[in-house]
Amino acid sequence: MKVVPVVALFCLALAGCSQSQDDHAHAEAERTREQMRQTGEQLRQDIRPALKHAEADTARASKDLDRGLETTRDKVRKALDAPTAGDQNR
């Protein structure tokens, strides 16, 4: 009957190891979550200047396009208003 206490002690030891592994896994998961949070925050900080630069470039490009469009409209208006060679001969 000495086997029963030995088996009981072995089971308790295994349960303790299992709990220790669960605690370790939980702690590792918490560290990973914290690292991910810090990485996300760093990315947010790093991307802000790039986003502002992209917004400024977009605004500049939009103004350039608007100017080009207006120039083209003026040219078309002038061309439509100008007398053609056929109109001058009449």
N, C-alpha and C. Protein backbone atom coordinates (compact mmCIF):
# COMPACT_ATOMS: atom_id res chain seq x y z
N MET A 1 0.81 -1.20 0.00
CA MET A 1 0.00 0.00 0.00
C MET A 1 0.85 1.27 0.00
N LYS A 2 2.14 1.11 -0.11
CA LYS A 2 3.01 2.28 -0.19
C LYS A 2 2.90 2.96 -1.54
N VAL A 3 2.33 2.30 -2.50
CA VAL A 3 2.20 2.83 -3.86
C VAL A 3 1.22 4.01 -3.88
N VAL A 4 0.16 3.93 -3.12
CA VAL A 4 -0.86 4.97 -3.14
C VAL A 4 -0.28 6.32 -2.69
N PRO A 5 0.45 6.42 -1.59
CA PRO A 5 1.01 7.72 -1.23
C PRO A 5 2.01 8.22 -2.27
N VAL A 6 2.76 7.34 -2.86
CA VAL A 6 3.74 7.76 -3.87
C VAL A 6 3.00 8.31 -5.10
N VAL A 7 1.94 7.62 -5.51
CA VAL A 7 1.14 8.07 -6.67
C VAL A 7 0.49 9.41 -6.34
N ALA A 8 -0.01 9.54 -5.11
CA ALA A 8 -0.65 10.80 -4.70
C ALA A 8 0.35 11.94 -4.72
N LEU A 9 1.56 11.71 -4.21
CA LEU A 9 2.60 12.75 -4.24
C LEU A 9 2.98 13.10 -5.68
N PHE A 10 3.08 12.06 -6.53
CA PHE A 10 3.41 12.29 -7.94
C PHE A 10 2.34 13.14 -8.61
N CYS A 11 1.09 12.85 -8.34
CA CYS A 11 -0.02 13.62 -8.91
C CYS A 11 0.02 15.07 -8.42
N LEU A 12 0.30 15.29 -7.16
CA LEU A 12 0.41 16.65 -6.62
C LEU A 12 1.55 17.40 -7.28
N ALA A 13 2.67 16.71 -7.48
CA ALA A 13 3.83 17.33 -8.13
C ALA A 13 3.49 17.72 -9.56
N LEU A 14 2.80 16.85 -10.28
CA LEU A 14 2.39 17.16 -11.65
C LEU A 14 1.42 18.33 -11.68
N ALA A 15 0.50 18.38 -10.74
CA ALA A 15 -0.46 19.48 -10.67
C ALA A 15 0.27 20.79 -10.42
N GLY A 16 1.28 20.74 -9.56
CA GLY A 16 2.07 21.94 -9.28
C GLY A 16 2.83 22.41 -10.51
N CYS A 17 3.38 21.47 -11.25
CA CYS A 17 4.10 21.82 -12.48
C CYS A 17 3.15 22.40 -13.51
N SER A 18 1.99 21.81 -13.59
CA SER A 18 0.99 22.29 -14.55
C SER A 18 0.58 23.72 -14.21
N GLN A 19 0.36 23.98 -12.93
CA GLN A 19 -0.02 25.34 -12.50
C GLN A 19 1.12 26.30 -12.79
N SER A 20 2.34 25.87 -12.55
CA SER A 20 3.50 26.72 -12.81
C SER A 20 3.60 27.04 -14.30
N GLN A 21 3.35 26.05 -15.15
CA GLN A 21 3.38 26.28 -16.59
C GLN A 21 2.27 27.25 -17.01
N ASP A 22 1.09 27.10 -16.42
CA ASP A 22 -0.02 28.02 -16.72
C ASP A 22 0.34 29.44 -16.29
N ASP A 23 0.94 29.57 -15.11
CA ASP A 23 1.35 30.90 -14.64
C ASP A 23 2.39 31.51 -15.58
N HIS A 24 3.33 30.67 -16.00
CA HIS A 24 4.38 31.14 -16.91
C HIS A 24 3.76 31.57 -18.25
N ALA A 25 2.84 30.76 -18.78
CA ALA A 25 2.19 31.10 -20.05
C ALA A 25 1.39 32.39 -19.91
N HIS A 26 0.71 32.57 -18.79
CA HIS A 26 -0.06 33.79 -18.56
C HIS A 26 0.87 35.01 -18.50
N ALA A 27 1.97 34.87 -17.79
CA ALA A 27 2.92 35.98 -17.69
C ALA A 27 3.52 36.30 -19.05
N GLU A 28 3.82 35.29 -19.83
CA GLU A 28 4.36 35.50 -21.18
C GLU A 28 3.33 36.21 -22.07
N ALA A 29 2.08 35.81 -21.95
CA ALA A 29 1.02 36.46 -22.73
C ALA A 29 0.88 37.93 -22.33
N GLU A 30 0.99 38.22 -21.07
CA GLU A 30 0.92 39.62 -20.60
C GLU A 30 2.09 40.43 -21.15
N ARG A 31 3.28 39.85 -21.14
CA ARG A 31 4.46 40.55 -21.69
C ARG A 31 4.26 40.82 -23.19
N THR A 32 3.75 39.82 -23.87
CA THR A 32 3.52 39.98 -25.31
C THR A 32 2.49 41.08 -25.58
N ARG A 33 1.40 41.08 -24.80
CA ARG A 33 0.38 42.14 -24.94
C ARG A 33 0.97 43.52 -24.72
N GLU A 34 1.79 43.65 -23.72
CA GLU A 34 2.41 44.94 -23.41
C GLU A 34 3.36 45.36 -24.53
N GLN A 35 4.13 44.42 -25.05
CA GLN A 35 5.02 44.74 -26.16
C GLN A 35 4.23 45.17 -27.39
N MET A 36 3.13 44.49 -27.65
CA MET A 36 2.28 44.86 -28.79
C MET A 36 1.69 46.26 -28.60
N ARG A 37 1.26 46.56 -27.38
CA ARG A 37 0.70 47.88 -27.10
C ARG A 37 1.76 48.96 -27.32
N GLN A 38 2.98 48.71 -26.82
CA GLN A 38 4.06 49.68 -26.99
C GLN A 38 4.44 49.84 -28.46
N THR A 39 4.45 48.74 -29.20
CA THR A 39 4.76 48.81 -30.62
C THR A 39 3.69 49.61 -31.36
N GLY A 40 2.43 49.38 -31.04
CA GLY A 40 1.34 50.13 -31.64
C GLY A 40 1.45 51.62 -31.35
N GLU A 41 1.77 51.95 -30.13
CA GLU A 41 1.92 53.37 -29.75
C GLU A 41 3.09 54.00 -30.51
N GLN A 42 4.19 53.27 -30.61
CA GLN A 42 5.36 53.78 -31.34
C GLN A 42 5.01 53.98 -32.81
N LEU A 43 4.29 53.05 -33.40
CA LEU A 43 3.88 53.20 -34.80
C LEU A 43 3.00 54.43 -34.99
N ARG A 44 2.08 54.64 -34.06
CA ARG A 44 1.22 55.83 -34.14
C ARG A 44 2.05 57.10 -34.10
N GLN A 45 3.04 57.13 -33.23
CA GLN A 45 3.90 58.32 -33.14
C GLN A 45 4.76 58.48 -34.38
N ASP A 46 5.25 57.36 -34.92
CA ASP A 46 6.11 57.42 -36.10
C ASP A 46 5.34 57.83 -37.35
N ILE A 47 4.07 57.44 -37.43
CA ILE A 47 3.31 57.67 -38.65
C ILE A 47 2.76 59.09 -38.73
N ARG A 48 2.63 59.76 -37.62
CA ARG A 48 2.05 61.11 -37.63
C ARG A 48 2.80 62.07 -38.55
N PRO A 49 4.13 62.18 -38.46
CA PRO A 49 4.83 63.09 -39.37
C PRO A 49 4.66 62.69 -40.84
N ALA A 50 4.70 61.41 -41.11
CA ALA A 50 4.53 60.96 -42.50
C ALA A 50 3.13 61.32 -43.00
N LEU A 51 2.14 61.17 -42.15
CA LEU A 51 0.76 61.51 -42.53
C LEU A 51 0.62 63.01 -42.79
N LYS A 52 1.21 63.82 -41.93
CA LYS A 52 1.15 65.27 -42.14
C LYS A 52 1.84 65.66 -43.43
N HIS A 53 2.98 65.03 -43.72
CA HIS A 53 3.71 65.30 -44.95
C HIS A 53 2.87 64.90 -46.17
N ALA A 54 2.23 63.75 -46.10
CA ALA A 54 1.38 63.28 -47.20
C ALA A 54 0.19 64.21 -47.40
N GLU A 55 -0.39 64.69 -46.31
CA GLU A 55 -1.51 65.63 -46.42
C GLU A 55 -1.07 66.93 -47.08
N ALA A 56 0.11 67.43 -46.71
CA ALA A 56 0.63 68.66 -47.32
C ALA A 56 0.90 68.44 -48.81
N ASP A 57 1.49 67.30 -49.16
CA ASP A 57 1.75 66.99 -50.58
C ASP A 57 0.44 66.90 -51.36
N THR A 58 -0.56 66.29 -50.75
CA THR A 58 -1.86 66.16 -51.41
C THR A 58 -2.50 67.52 -51.63
N ALA A 59 -2.42 68.39 -50.64
CA ALA A 59 -2.99 69.73 -50.77
C ALA A 59 -2.27 70.49 -51.89
N ARG A 60 -0.94 70.38 -51.92
CA ARG A 60 -0.17 71.04 -52.96
C ARG A 60 -0.54 70.52 -54.34
N ALA A 61 -0.64 69.22 -54.48
CA ALA A 61 -1.01 68.60 -55.76
C ALA A 61 -2.40 69.02 -56.18
N SER A 62 -3.31 69.11 -55.23
CA SER A 62 -4.68 69.52 -55.53
C SER A 62 -4.70 70.96 -56.05
N LYS A 63 -3.93 71.84 -55.42
CA LYS A 63 -3.86 73.23 -55.88
C LYS A 63 -3.26 73.30 -57.28
N ASP A 64 -2.21 72.51 -57.53
CA ASP A 64 -1.60 72.48 -58.86
C ASP A 64 -2.60 72.00 -59.90
N LEU A 65 -3.35 70.97 -59.58
CA LEU A 65 -4.36 70.46 -60.51
C LEU A 65 -5.44 71.50 -60.77
N ASP A 66 -5.87 72.18 -59.71
CA ASP A 66 -6.90 73.22 -59.88
C ASP A 66 -6.39 74.33 -60.79
N ARG A 67 -5.13 74.74 -60.59
CA ARG A 67 -4.56 75.79 -61.44
C ARG A 67 -4.48 75.32 -62.90
N GLY A 68 -4.02 74.09 -63.09
CA GLY A 68 -3.92 73.55 -64.44
C GLY A 68 -5.28 73.43 -65.10
N LEU A 69 -6.27 73.02 -64.35
CA LEU A 69 -7.63 72.91 -64.87
C LEU A 69 -8.18 74.28 -65.26
N GLU A 70 -7.94 75.26 -64.42
CA GLU A 70 -8.41 76.62 -64.71
C GLU A 70 -7.71 77.17 -65.95
N THR A 71 -6.42 76.92 -66.08
CA THR A 71 -5.67 77.36 -67.27
C THR A 71 -6.25 76.71 -68.52
N THR A 72 -6.53 75.43 -68.44
CA THR A 72 -7.11 74.72 -69.58
C THR A 72 -8.49 75.28 -69.92
N ARG A 73 -9.29 75.55 -68.93
CA ARG A 73 -10.62 76.13 -69.17
C ARG A 73 -10.50 77.49 -69.86
N ASP A 74 -9.56 78.32 -69.39
CA ASP A 74 -9.36 79.63 -70.02
C ASP A 74 -8.97 79.48 -71.48
N LYS A 75 -8.07 78.54 -71.77
CA LYS A 75 -7.65 78.32 -73.15
C LYS A 75 -8.82 77.86 -74.01
N VAL A 76 -9.65 76.99 -73.48
CA VAL A 76 -10.81 76.50 -74.23
C VAL A 76 -11.79 77.65 -74.47
N ARG A 77 -12.03 78.45 -73.44
CA ARG A 77 -12.94 79.60 -73.60
C ARG A 77 -12.43 80.55 -74.69
N LYS A 78 -11.14 80.86 -74.63
CA LYS A 78 -10.55 81.75 -75.64
C LYS A 78 -10.66 81.15 -77.04
N ALA A 79 -10.41 79.85 -77.13
CA ALA A 79 -10.51 79.20 -78.43
C ALA A 79 -11.94 79.22 -78.94
N LEU A 80 -12.90 79.05 -78.06
CA LEU A 80 -14.30 79.08 -78.48
C LEU A 80 -14.75 80.50 -78.84
N ASP A 81 -14.20 81.50 -78.17
CA ASP A 81 -14.57 82.89 -78.42
C ASP A 81 -13.85 83.48 -79.62
N ALA A 82 -12.70 82.93 -79.99
CA ALA A 82 -11.91 83.48 -81.09
C ALA A 82 -12.61 83.19 -82.42
N PRO A 83 -12.58 84.18 -83.30
CA PRO A 83 -13.19 83.92 -84.62
C PRO A 83 -12.35 82.91 -85.39
N THR A 84 -13.00 82.07 -86.12
CA THR A 84 -12.29 81.09 -86.94
C THR A 84 -12.00 81.69 -88.30
N ALA A 85 -11.19 81.04 -89.08
CA ALA A 85 -10.84 81.53 -90.41
C ALA A 85 -12.08 81.64 -91.28
N GLY A 86 -13.00 80.73 -91.14
CA GLY A 86 -14.24 80.75 -91.90
C GLY A 86 -15.11 81.92 -91.51
N ASP A 87 -15.09 82.33 -90.24
CA ASP A 87 -15.89 83.47 -89.78
C ASP A 87 -15.35 84.77 -90.32
N GLN A 88 -14.06 84.87 -90.52
CA GLN A 88 -13.45 86.11 -90.99
C GLN A 88 -13.72 86.34 -92.47
N ASN A 89 -13.92 85.31 -93.24
CA ASN A 89 -14.17 85.43 -94.67
C ASN A 89 -15.61 85.78 -94.98
N ARG A 90 -16.48 85.74 -94.05
CA ARG A 90 -17.90 86.00 -94.30
C ARG A 90 -18.19 87.43 -94.28
